[in-house]
Amino acid sequence: MLQGSKVYRALGQLAKPEMEELEHVLSTQKRASIYQLFALLKKPAQKQQPEPSKEDAFAAVYKKAYSKEDDYLLRNEYRLLFKEVVRFISTKEWNRQPEHRIKIKYLENLLHTEQYDLLEEEVNESLGTARKNNNLKFLLALYDMKIAYNIHSKPQSLANAEESLALATERAEMLQTELLRKLRMEEARIKMCERIIKAYRPDYEPIPFFDTVELMPLQQKDAYAQHLYKRAQINLVSPTDRIAVLKDIISEPDIIKQYEPEPDKSFGRFYATLAQEYYIQGDYENSFEYFALAMPLVKLLPADTRDAVVYNYLMALLKGGQQEKAATIAAQYKESMLRSPSMKNRAAFLFIMLYLFNRKPDEAEKHIDLESKADGTEFYYHMRLALSYVYYLRGQLELAERECNNLEQALNYELRKEGNSQVELNKTLNKMFRRFYALRIEGQATGMKELAEPLRELMANIRSTSGFDSVFVLLLEGEI
């Protein structure tokens, strides 16, 4: 066995063609001293001769005599050369990996760079190949990628959620099969060892074959599993308990830093989710605190996830009475949010409301789409209600009132057609807007004051919703 430094022993394992390829790589890099050290070591390493002395190495690299005071310089060159050799060998070994491993790296790059159309096409094609070859590892990786794509890069629709659930359930079954195969392979090695032991110790009792796996006892011994269990609970527990689970997770930052593959992204998601929970419960002050922690990290998240976080923050600011701050932040993300497939009409609604709060009816009208009925009654309803308020801000009170009258009729028709009964609050809100416009036309200040109490009651009923009803109520409250 070749003796000497780590880098010298590593070089001694390379075949002549590999050594020549490494020489070409090192000769093209900027740090000439690394190549000079390599040039000194390569021939004796190939011939399995003793390693040149550090005095010879120092002279070859620095063109002067070695001294103990300068020993750290030479050690640094050895360290850097070893790093380059390891990188070279690792790359060579990776290129010898099965084709599906290389394909997965390519697909991961498509996901990371948000080339979603190409990703979907490639994943679906690869799934056919993996199923045909019964390649479990490849299938697991492809399912994992498809689920991540569905959850983080597609609209949060019922169809996408059901598809992701089916994929995740099937993947969980495949993971159990993979675990079983690995355990059976490990048992083969255990039994081989036991056969030898029994030859020396006839009274030895073999370990029973594995027939069950108890997850909870295993979890108590593994901090990462405990962390993952808490992450799963975020989507399981009731809204009142969700805040406690999230605060428990972020109270252990060292666990997140140690086990999450991208800790900053994870912190961003946890802060944003916690802020969202406070926002849904109407606790805007705490919501602002955690959104502020999340915002510096959202740029690390995929674009659609980032836009969803920004959307929730802006909604919280609107409902918390900080419209000017919301407008400032919104300006930075407007183009991205309006282009986002997962945001769809929500982003347009958000910017409509921002402009209405800041009394810019012309800007708001640019985003009003009366064809949005195709996306459901809720979208159509809010678009027309926003249009009525555009007329109001322009002083066209009769048009504003007429829009509400037309909207009531259209809403009743759509609800009957859809068999939908979930928009009763919307009908009440529309009546309040219509009453408000009528009072404005009549100039009845007393009547408007009487409208304040039912508005407060309506707000109490819808404050905990993440939709636009409560934001519309705030518009009226500001006027009354």
Protein backbone atom coordinates (compact mmCIF):
# COMPACT_ATOMS: atom_id res chain seq x y z
CA MET A 1 0.00 0.00 0.00
CA LEU A 2 1.27 3.43 -0.97
CA GLN A 3 2.35 5.50 2.04
CA GLY A 4 2.33 9.27 2.42
CA SER A 5 -0.17 12.13 2.58
CA LYS A 6 -3.87 11.70 1.80
CA VAL A 7 -3.58 13.45 -1.54
CA TYR A 8 -0.56 11.34 -2.53
CA ARG A 9 -2.41 8.10 -1.73
CA ALA A 10 -5.49 9.32 -3.65
CA LEU A 11 -3.35 10.13 -6.70
CA GLY A 12 -1.77 6.68 -6.51
CA GLN A 13 -5.19 5.06 -7.14
CA LEU A 14 -5.75 6.81 -10.48
CA ALA A 15 -5.17 5.02 -13.77
CA LYS A 16 -2.95 6.73 -16.36
CA PRO A 17 -5.86 8.08 -18.49
CA GLU A 18 -7.52 9.51 -15.39
CA MET A 19 -4.25 11.11 -14.27
CA GLU A 20 -3.92 12.77 -17.68
CA GLU A 21 -7.51 14.02 -17.51
CA LEU A 22 -6.94 15.42 -14.01
CA GLU A 23 -3.76 17.12 -15.20
CA HIS A 24 -5.73 18.90 -17.93
CA VAL A 25 -8.32 20.06 -15.37
CA LEU A 26 -5.71 21.41 -12.96
CA SER A 27 -3.65 23.08 -15.68
CA THR A 28 -6.59 25.29 -16.62
CA GLN A 29 -7.40 26.62 -13.16
CA LYS A 30 -6.21 30.00 -11.90
CA ARG A 31 -4.18 28.82 -8.90
CA ALA A 32 -0.93 27.72 -10.52
CA SER A 33 0.59 26.51 -7.22
CA ILE A 34 -1.91 23.60 -7.07
CA TYR A 35 -0.84 22.40 -10.52
CA GLN A 36 2.85 22.74 -9.60
CA LEU A 37 2.35 20.52 -6.53
CA PHE A 38 0.41 18.01 -8.65
CA ALA A 39 3.20 17.96 -11.27
CA LEU A 40 5.72 17.07 -8.56
CA LEU A 41 3.61 14.25 -7.08
CA LYS A 42 2.04 12.57 -10.13
CA LYS A 43 4.96 10.52 -11.50
CA PRO A 44 6.17 8.97 -8.23
CA ALA A 45 2.52 8.32 -7.24
CA GLN A 46 1.87 6.46 -10.51
CA LYS A 47 5.03 4.39 -10.02
CA GLN A 48 4.12 3.69 -6.37
CA GLN A 49 7.38 5.31 -5.21
CA PRO A 50 7.89 7.16 -1.90
CA GLU A 51 6.33 10.62 -1.72
CA PRO A 52 8.68 13.58 -2.32
CA SER A 53 9.73 15.38 0.85
CA LYS A 54 8.03 18.58 1.94
CA GLU A 55 11.32 20.41 1.29
CA ASP A 56 11.16 19.29 -2.36
CA ALA A 57 7.48 20.16 -2.53
CA PHE A 58 8.03 23.65 -1.07
CA ALA A 59 10.83 24.33 -3.55
CA ALA A 60 8.70 23.16 -6.49
CA VAL A 61 5.72 25.31 -5.49
CA TYR A 62 7.36 28.46 -4.10
CA LYS A 63 10.83 28.37 -5.77
CA LYS A 64 12.64 28.87 -2.46
CA ALA A 65 13.96 26.87 0.47
CA TYR A 66 11.53 25.37 3.00
CA SER A 67 11.29 26.77 6.54
CA LYS A 68 9.11 25.69 9.46
CA GLU A 69 7.59 29.18 9.68
CA ASP A 70 6.18 28.71 6.15
CA ASP A 71 4.95 25.16 6.72
CA TYR A 72 1.29 26.31 6.92
CA LEU A 73 1.52 27.58 3.32
CA LEU A 74 2.49 24.15 2.03
CA ARG A 75 -0.17 22.41 4.13
CA ASN A 76 -2.77 24.67 2.58
CA GLU A 77 -1.63 23.68 -0.95
CA TYR A 78 -1.89 19.99 -0.02
CA ARG A 79 -5.42 20.60 1.33
CA LEU A 80 -6.54 22.44 -1.82
CA LEU A 81 -5.03 19.81 -4.13
CA PHE A 82 -6.76 17.02 -2.17
CA LYS A 83 -10.06 18.88 -2.52
CA GLU A 84 -9.60 19.04 -6.30
CA VAL A 85 -8.73 15.34 -6.50
CA VAL A 86 -11.83 14.39 -4.48
CA ARG A 87 -14.01 16.56 -6.72
CA PHE A 88 -12.51 14.98 -9.84
CA ILE A 89 -12.97 11.41 -8.57
CA SER A 90 -16.52 12.13 -7.39
CA THR A 91 -17.48 13.55 -10.77
CA LYS A 92 -16.02 10.53 -12.55
CA GLU A 93 -17.88 8.17 -10.25
CA TRP A 94 -21.13 10.10 -10.65
CA ASN A 95 -20.90 9.79 -14.44
CA ARG A 96 -20.84 6.03 -13.96
CA GLN A 97 -24.17 6.12 -12.10
CA PRO A 98 -27.24 4.44 -13.61
CA GLU A 99 -29.02 6.59 -16.16
CA HIS A 100 -32.05 7.19 -13.94
CA ARG A 101 -29.90 8.80 -11.24
CA ILE A 102 -28.55 11.30 -13.77
CA LYS A 103 -32.10 11.89 -15.08
CA ILE A 104 -33.34 12.69 -11.57
CA LYS A 105 -30.65 15.36 -11.21
CA TYR A 106 -31.81 16.86 -14.48
CA LEU A 107 -35.44 16.87 -13.33
CA GLU A 108 -34.46 18.46 -10.01
CA ASN A 109 -32.80 21.25 -11.98
CA LEU A 110 -36.00 21.78 -14.00
CA LEU A 111 -37.99 22.04 -10.76
CA HIS A 112 -35.46 24.39 -9.17
CA THR A 113 -35.39 26.68 -12.23
CA GLU A 114 -39.22 26.59 -12.49
CA GLN A 115 -39.29 25.14 -16.03
CA TYR A 116 -42.62 23.53 -15.22
CA ASP A 117 -43.90 22.67 -18.70
CA LEU A 118 -40.76 20.75 -19.58
CA LEU A 119 -40.66 19.19 -16.10
CA GLU A 120 -44.20 17.80 -16.38
CA GLU A 121 -43.49 16.35 -19.82
CA GLU A 122 -40.22 14.73 -18.70
CA VAL A 123 -41.65 13.34 -15.45
CA ASN A 124 -44.63 11.73 -17.19
CA GLU A 125 -42.33 10.16 -19.79
CA SER A 126 -39.95 8.90 -17.09
CA LEU A 127 -42.82 7.40 -15.08
CA GLY A 128 -43.65 5.14 -18.03
CA THR A 129 -40.03 3.94 -18.21
CA ALA A 130 -39.77 3.39 -14.44
CA ARG A 131 -43.03 1.39 -14.30
CA LYS A 132 -42.02 -0.71 -17.31
CA ASN A 133 -38.68 -1.59 -15.66
CA ASN A 134 -40.20 -1.92 -12.16
CA ASN A 135 -37.51 0.48 -10.91
CA LEU A 136 -38.69 1.26 -7.38
CA LYS A 137 -36.00 3.83 -6.55
CA PHE A 138 -36.70 5.74 -9.75
CA LEU A 139 -40.46 5.63 -9.11
CA LEU A 140 -40.02 6.95 -5.58
CA ALA A 141 -37.93 9.87 -6.81
CA LEU A 142 -40.39 10.69 -9.61
CA TYR A 143 -43.42 10.54 -7.30
CA ASP A 144 -41.61 12.78 -4.83
CA MET A 145 -40.93 15.34 -7.56
CA LYS A 146 -44.48 15.22 -8.93
CA ILE A 147 -45.97 15.74 -5.46
CA ALA A 148 -43.63 18.67 -4.74
CA TYR A 149 -44.56 20.20 -8.09
CA ASN A 150 -48.30 19.79 -7.42
CA ILE A 151 -48.16 21.26 -3.92
CA HIS A 152 -45.79 24.18 -4.45
CA SER A 153 -46.23 25.13 -8.12
CA LYS A 154 -49.88 24.53 -8.99
CA PRO A 155 -53.15 26.20 -7.91
CA GLN A 156 -54.46 24.84 -4.61
CA SER A 157 -57.51 23.31 -6.30
CA LEU A 158 -59.50 20.25 -5.26
CA ALA A 159 -58.33 18.29 -8.32
CA ASN A 160 -54.65 18.97 -7.62
CA ALA A 161 -55.04 18.15 -3.93
CA GLU A 162 -56.78 14.84 -4.70
CA GLU A 163 -54.10 13.90 -7.23
CA SER A 164 -51.34 14.73 -4.74
CA LEU A 165 -53.08 12.70 -2.03
CA ALA A 166 -53.31 9.67 -4.32
CA LEU A 167 -49.65 10.02 -5.30
CA ALA A 168 -48.49 10.47 -1.70
CA THR A 169 -50.54 7.47 -0.54
CA GLU A 170 -49.10 5.29 -3.29
CA ARG A 171 -45.60 6.57 -2.52
CA ALA A 172 -46.04 5.68 1.17
CA GLU A 173 -46.86 2.11 0.12
CA MET A 174 -43.76 2.01 -2.10
CA LEU A 175 -41.63 3.30 0.77
CA GLN A 176 -42.83 0.41 2.91
CA THR A 177 -41.85 -2.01 0.16
CA GLU A 178 -38.42 -0.37 -0.11
CA LEU A 179 -37.98 -0.57 3.67
CA LEU A 180 -38.96 -4.25 3.61
CA ARG A 181 -36.41 -5.00 0.87
CA LYS A 182 -33.65 -3.20 2.77
CA LEU A 183 -34.47 -5.03 6.00
CA ARG A 184 -34.47 -8.41 4.25
CA MET A 185 -31.11 -7.60 2.65
CA GLU A 186 -29.75 -6.62 6.05
CA GLU A 187 -31.09 -9.87 7.54
CA ALA A 188 -29.05 -11.82 4.99
CA ARG A 189 -25.89 -10.20 6.36
CA ILE A 190 -27.05 -10.69 9.96
CA LYS A 191 -27.64 -14.40 9.37
CA MET A 192 -24.25 -14.78 7.66
CA CYS A 193 -22.58 -13.31 10.75
CA GLU A 194 -24.71 -15.48 13.03
CA ARG A 195 -23.72 -18.64 11.13
CA ILE A 196 -20.05 -17.91 11.85
CA ILE A 197 -20.78 -17.07 15.49
CA LYS A 198 -22.76 -20.29 15.94
CA ALA A 199 -19.83 -22.30 14.55
CA TYR A 200 -17.75 -20.97 17.47
CA ARG A 201 -20.60 -20.84 20.01
CA PRO A 202 -23.11 -23.68 19.47
CA ASP A 203 -25.39 -22.32 22.21
CA TYR A 204 -25.89 -18.99 20.36
CA GLU A 205 -29.59 -18.16 19.75
CA PRO A 206 -30.18 -16.35 16.41
CA ILE A 207 -32.04 -13.04 16.31
CA PRO A 208 -35.67 -13.54 15.14
CA PHE A 209 -36.56 -12.40 11.65
CA PHE A 210 -38.14 -8.93 11.46
CA ASP A 211 -41.93 -9.19 11.25
CA THR A 212 -43.08 -5.73 12.43
CA VAL A 213 -41.73 -2.20 12.64
CA GLU A 214 -42.91 -0.09 15.61
CA LEU A 215 -42.70 3.54 14.52
CA MET A 216 -43.47 5.44 17.72
CA PRO A 217 -40.74 3.80 19.86
CA LEU A 218 -38.27 4.46 17.05
CA GLN A 219 -39.40 8.07 16.86
CA GLN A 220 -38.57 8.67 20.52
CA LYS A 221 -34.92 7.99 19.68
CA ASP A 222 -34.74 10.19 16.60
CA ALA A 223 -34.92 14.00 16.75
CA TYR A 224 -35.41 14.32 13.00
CA ALA A 225 -38.40 11.95 13.02
CA GLN A 226 -39.91 13.96 15.88
CA HIS A 227 -39.44 17.14 13.84
CA LEU A 228 -41.11 15.57 10.78
CA TYR A 229 -43.98 14.37 12.97
CA LYS A 230 -44.58 17.92 14.16
CA ARG A 231 -44.46 19.17 10.56
CA ALA A 232 -47.18 16.69 9.64
CA GLN A 233 -49.29 17.83 12.60
CA ILE A 234 -49.43 21.38 11.17
CA ASN A 235 -51.91 20.09 8.61
CA LEU A 236 -53.72 17.77 11.02
CA VAL A 237 -54.50 19.63 14.24
CA SER A 238 -57.33 22.11 14.71
CA PRO A 239 -56.68 25.79 13.89
CA THR A 240 -56.57 26.65 17.60
CA ASP A 241 -53.77 24.11 18.19
CA ARG A 242 -51.84 24.86 15.00
CA ILE A 243 -50.16 27.96 16.43
CA ALA A 244 -48.82 25.97 19.39
CA VAL A 245 -47.37 23.31 17.05
CA LEU A 246 -45.69 25.92 14.85
CA LYS A 247 -44.22 27.78 17.83
CA ASP A 248 -42.93 24.47 19.19
CA ILE A 249 -41.18 23.82 15.85
CA ILE A 250 -39.50 27.23 15.59
CA SER A 251 -38.49 27.06 19.27
CA GLU A 252 -35.86 24.49 18.19
CA PRO A 253 -33.87 26.34 15.51
CA ASP A 254 -30.90 23.98 15.89
CA ILE A 255 -33.07 21.04 14.80
CA ILE A 256 -34.21 22.96 11.72
CA LYS A 257 -30.63 23.97 10.87
CA GLN A 258 -29.36 20.42 11.33
CA TYR A 259 -32.04 18.42 9.56
CA GLU A 260 -33.80 20.61 7.00
CA PRO A 261 -31.92 20.45 3.66
CA GLU A 262 -32.47 24.21 3.13
CA PRO A 263 -32.90 25.73 6.61
CA ASP A 264 -33.53 29.32 5.51
CA LYS A 265 -36.34 28.23 3.21
CA SER A 266 -37.83 26.18 6.03
CA PHE A 267 -37.66 29.09 8.48
CA GLY A 268 -39.38 31.24 5.85
CA ARG A 269 -42.21 28.72 5.45
CA PHE A 270 -42.68 28.21 9.20
CA TYR A 271 -42.75 31.95 9.93
CA ALA A 272 -45.15 32.56 7.04
CA THR A 273 -47.46 29.73 8.09
CA LEU A 274 -47.52 30.97 11.69
CA ALA A 275 -48.23 34.50 10.51
CA GLN A 276 -51.05 33.15 8.34
CA GLU A 277 -52.63 31.39 11.32
CA TYR A 278 -52.57 34.58 13.40
CA TYR A 279 -54.03 36.48 10.44
CA ILE A 280 -56.91 34.00 10.02
CA GLN A 281 -57.73 34.38 13.71
CA GLY A 282 -57.79 38.16 13.42
CA ASP A 283 -54.65 38.66 15.55
CA TYR A 284 -53.00 41.11 13.15
CA GLU A 285 -50.24 42.34 15.48
CA ASN A 286 -48.74 38.87 15.89
CA SER A 287 -49.38 38.23 12.22
CA PHE A 288 -47.30 41.29 11.27
CA GLU A 289 -44.45 40.17 13.56
CA TYR A 290 -44.05 36.77 11.90
CA PHE A 291 -44.68 38.03 8.37
CA ALA A 292 -41.84 40.50 8.98
CA LEU A 293 -39.57 37.56 9.91
CA ALA A 294 -40.69 35.62 6.83
CA MET A 295 -40.35 38.38 4.23
CA PRO A 296 -36.49 38.49 4.07
CA LEU A 297 -36.55 34.74 3.41
CA VAL A 298 -39.38 34.52 0.86
CA LYS A 299 -37.02 35.31 -2.02
CA LEU A 300 -35.50 31.86 -1.43
CA LEU A 301 -38.83 30.11 -1.99
CA PRO A 302 -40.26 29.04 -5.37
CA ALA A 303 -42.01 31.96 -7.09
CA ASP A 304 -45.55 30.68 -6.54
CA THR A 305 -44.93 29.94 -2.86
CA ARG A 306 -43.30 33.35 -2.43
CA ASP A 307 -46.25 35.09 -4.10
CA ALA A 308 -48.73 33.24 -1.86
CA VAL A 309 -46.84 34.42 1.25
CA VAL A 310 -46.79 38.00 -0.02
CA TYR A 311 -50.50 37.78 -0.83
CA ASN A 312 -51.36 36.69 2.72
CA TYR A 313 -49.15 39.43 4.19
CA LEU A 314 -50.85 42.08 2.07
CA MET A 315 -54.29 40.81 3.06
CA ALA A 316 -53.28 40.98 6.72
CA LEU A 317 -52.01 44.54 6.25
CA LEU A 318 -55.27 45.53 4.56
CA LYS A 319 -57.39 44.04 7.33
CA GLY A 320 -55.07 45.49 9.97
CA GLY A 321 -55.52 49.02 8.66
CA GLN A 322 -52.05 49.43 7.11
CA GLN A 323 -53.13 50.12 3.53
CA GLU A 324 -50.24 52.41 2.63
CA LYS A 325 -47.64 49.88 3.72
CA ALA A 326 -49.53 47.19 1.80
CA ALA A 327 -49.41 49.31 -1.37
CA THR A 328 -45.66 49.86 -1.02
CA ILE A 329 -44.90 46.15 -0.63
CA ALA A 330 -47.37 45.16 -3.36
CA ALA A 331 -45.58 47.33 -5.91
CA GLN A 332 -42.45 45.14 -5.60
CA TYR A 333 -44.33 41.91 -6.42
CA LYS A 334 -47.18 43.05 -8.64
CA GLU A 335 -45.99 41.67 -12.00
CA SER A 336 -44.98 38.30 -10.57
CA MET A 337 -48.24 37.86 -8.65
CA LEU A 338 -50.44 38.74 -11.61
CA ARG A 339 -48.54 36.24 -13.80
CA SER A 340 -48.66 33.42 -11.23
CA PRO A 341 -50.83 30.46 -12.38
CA SER A 342 -51.54 29.47 -8.78
CA MET A 343 -52.78 32.94 -7.77
CA LYS A 344 -55.26 33.27 -10.67
CA ASN A 345 -57.98 35.81 -9.80
CA ARG A 346 -56.88 36.22 -6.18
CA ALA A 347 -53.99 38.48 -7.15
CA ALA A 348 -56.25 40.63 -9.33
CA PHE A 349 -58.72 40.99 -6.45
CA LEU A 350 -55.94 41.97 -4.11
CA PHE A 351 -54.72 44.79 -6.32
CA ILE A 352 -58.30 45.96 -6.91
CA MET A 353 -58.77 46.26 -3.15
CA LEU A 354 -55.45 48.05 -2.69
CA TYR A 355 -56.45 50.66 -5.28
CA LEU A 356 -59.93 51.04 -3.79
CA PHE A 357 -58.53 51.60 -0.30
CA ASN A 358 -56.16 54.19 -1.69
CA ARG A 359 -59.03 55.81 -3.65
CA LYS A 360 -57.68 55.10 -7.14
CA PRO A 361 -60.78 53.93 -9.02
CA ASP A 362 -59.22 54.09 -12.50
CA GLU A 363 -56.34 51.81 -11.47
CA ALA A 364 -58.76 49.41 -9.77
CA GLU A 365 -60.99 49.19 -12.86
CA LYS A 366 -58.04 48.01 -14.99
CA HIS A 367 -58.02 44.73 -13.03
CA ILE A 368 -61.80 44.17 -12.94
CA ASP A 369 -62.74 41.24 -15.17
CA LEU A 370 -66.46 40.69 -15.61
CA GLU A 371 -65.78 37.49 -17.55
CA SER A 372 -64.49 35.85 -14.38
CA LYS A 373 -67.89 34.19 -13.90
CA ALA A 374 -66.24 31.13 -15.46
CA ASP A 375 -64.16 30.82 -12.28
CA GLY A 376 -67.21 30.63 -10.01
CA THR A 377 -69.89 32.79 -8.47
CA GLU A 378 -67.59 34.13 -5.76
CA PHE A 379 -65.18 35.65 -8.26
CA TYR A 380 -67.97 37.12 -10.35
CA TYR A 381 -69.69 38.54 -7.27
CA HIS A 382 -66.62 40.31 -5.93
CA MET A 383 -65.66 41.74 -9.31
CA ARG A 384 -69.08 43.39 -9.75
CA LEU A 385 -69.18 44.62 -6.14
CA ALA A 386 -65.74 46.19 -6.67
CA LEU A 387 -67.05 47.83 -9.85
CA SER A 388 -69.90 49.38 -7.88
CA TYR A 389 -67.34 50.93 -5.51
CA VAL A 390 -65.34 52.25 -8.47
CA TYR A 391 -68.49 54.13 -9.54
CA TYR A 392 -68.96 55.37 -5.98
CA LEU A 393 -65.41 56.78 -5.78
CA ARG A 394 -66.00 58.60 -9.06
CA GLY A 395 -69.19 60.14 -7.65
CA GLN A 396 -71.43 58.11 -9.97
CA LEU A 397 -73.78 57.07 -7.17
CA GLU A 398 -76.72 56.00 -9.35
CA LEU A 399 -74.46 53.67 -11.34
CA ALA A 400 -73.06 52.24 -8.08
CA GLU A 401 -76.56 51.51 -6.77
CA ARG A 402 -77.66 50.04 -10.10
CA GLU A 403 -74.65 47.69 -10.09
CA CYS A 404 -75.73 46.33 -6.70
CA ASN A 405 -79.32 45.85 -7.90
CA ASN A 406 -78.11 43.95 -10.97
CA LEU A 407 -75.69 41.95 -8.84
CA GLU A 408 -78.44 40.75 -6.49
CA GLN A 409 -80.42 39.36 -9.43
CA ALA A 410 -77.36 37.77 -11.05
CA LEU A 411 -76.24 36.25 -7.77
CA ASN A 412 -79.61 34.64 -7.10
CA TYR A 413 -79.61 33.17 -10.61
CA GLU A 414 -76.08 31.78 -10.31
CA LEU A 415 -76.73 30.26 -6.89
CA ARG A 416 -79.84 28.47 -8.12
CA LYS A 417 -77.98 27.22 -11.18
CA GLU A 418 -75.06 25.90 -9.11
CA GLY A 419 -77.18 24.61 -6.23
CA ASN A 420 -74.86 26.69 -4.07
CA SER A 421 -75.96 27.97 -0.67
CA GLN A 422 -72.63 29.09 0.81
CA VAL A 423 -72.81 32.78 -0.13
CA GLU A 424 -75.51 34.04 2.23
CA LEU A 425 -73.07 36.50 3.81
CA ASN A 426 -72.27 37.88 0.38
CA LYS A 427 -75.96 38.60 -0.27
CA THR A 428 -76.12 40.45 3.05
CA LEU A 429 -73.01 42.43 2.18
CA ASN A 430 -74.41 43.37 -1.20
CA LYS A 431 -77.60 44.68 0.45
CA MET A 432 -75.48 46.83 2.75
CA PHE A 433 -73.57 48.35 -0.15
CA ARG A 434 -76.84 49.04 -1.97
CA ARG A 435 -78.29 50.66 1.18
CA PHE A 436 -75.10 52.70 1.63
CA TYR A 437 -75.24 54.07 -1.92
CA ALA A 438 -78.95 54.89 -1.54
CA LEU A 439 -78.28 56.80 1.68
CA ARG A 440 -75.47 58.71 -0.02
CA ILE A 441 -77.82 59.68 -2.84
CA GLU A 442 -80.44 60.82 -0.33
CA GLY A 443 -77.84 62.58 1.83
CA GLN A 444 -79.05 60.86 4.99
CA ALA A 445 -76.18 61.01 7.46
CA THR A 446 -78.34 59.61 10.28
CA GLY A 447 -79.25 56.58 8.22
CA MET A 448 -75.59 55.88 7.55
CA LYS A 449 -74.86 55.86 11.26
CA GLU A 450 -77.60 53.29 11.69
CA LEU A 451 -75.79 51.12 9.13
CA ALA A 452 -72.69 50.99 11.32
CA GLU A 453 -74.04 48.45 13.81
CA PRO A 454 -75.06 45.74 11.30
CA LEU A 455 -71.69 46.29 9.60
CA ARG A 456 -69.90 45.57 12.87
CA GLU A 457 -71.99 42.42 13.35
CA LEU A 458 -71.18 41.27 9.83
CA MET A 459 -67.47 41.89 10.41
CA ALA A 460 -67.58 39.82 13.60
CA ASN A 461 -69.04 36.94 11.60
CA ILE A 462 -66.51 37.03 8.77
CA ARG A 463 -63.35 38.37 10.46
CA SER A 464 -61.78 34.93 10.64
CA THR A 465 -62.16 34.29 6.89
CA SER A 466 -59.23 34.80 4.53
CA GLY A 467 -61.50 36.02 1.71
CA PHE A 468 -62.48 39.49 0.61
CA ASP A 469 -65.82 39.91 2.40
CA SER A 470 -64.26 41.42 5.50
CA VAL A 471 -62.09 43.73 3.37
CA PHE A 472 -65.21 45.06 1.66
CA VAL A 473 -66.74 45.67 5.08
CA LEU A 474 -63.66 47.69 6.03
CA LEU A 475 -64.20 49.87 2.95
CA LEU A 476 -67.68 50.73 4.13
CA GLU A 477 -66.61 51.20 7.75
CA GLY A 478 -64.06 53.75 6.57
CA GLU A 479 -66.77 55.75 4.87
CA ILE A 480 -69.29 55.55 7.69
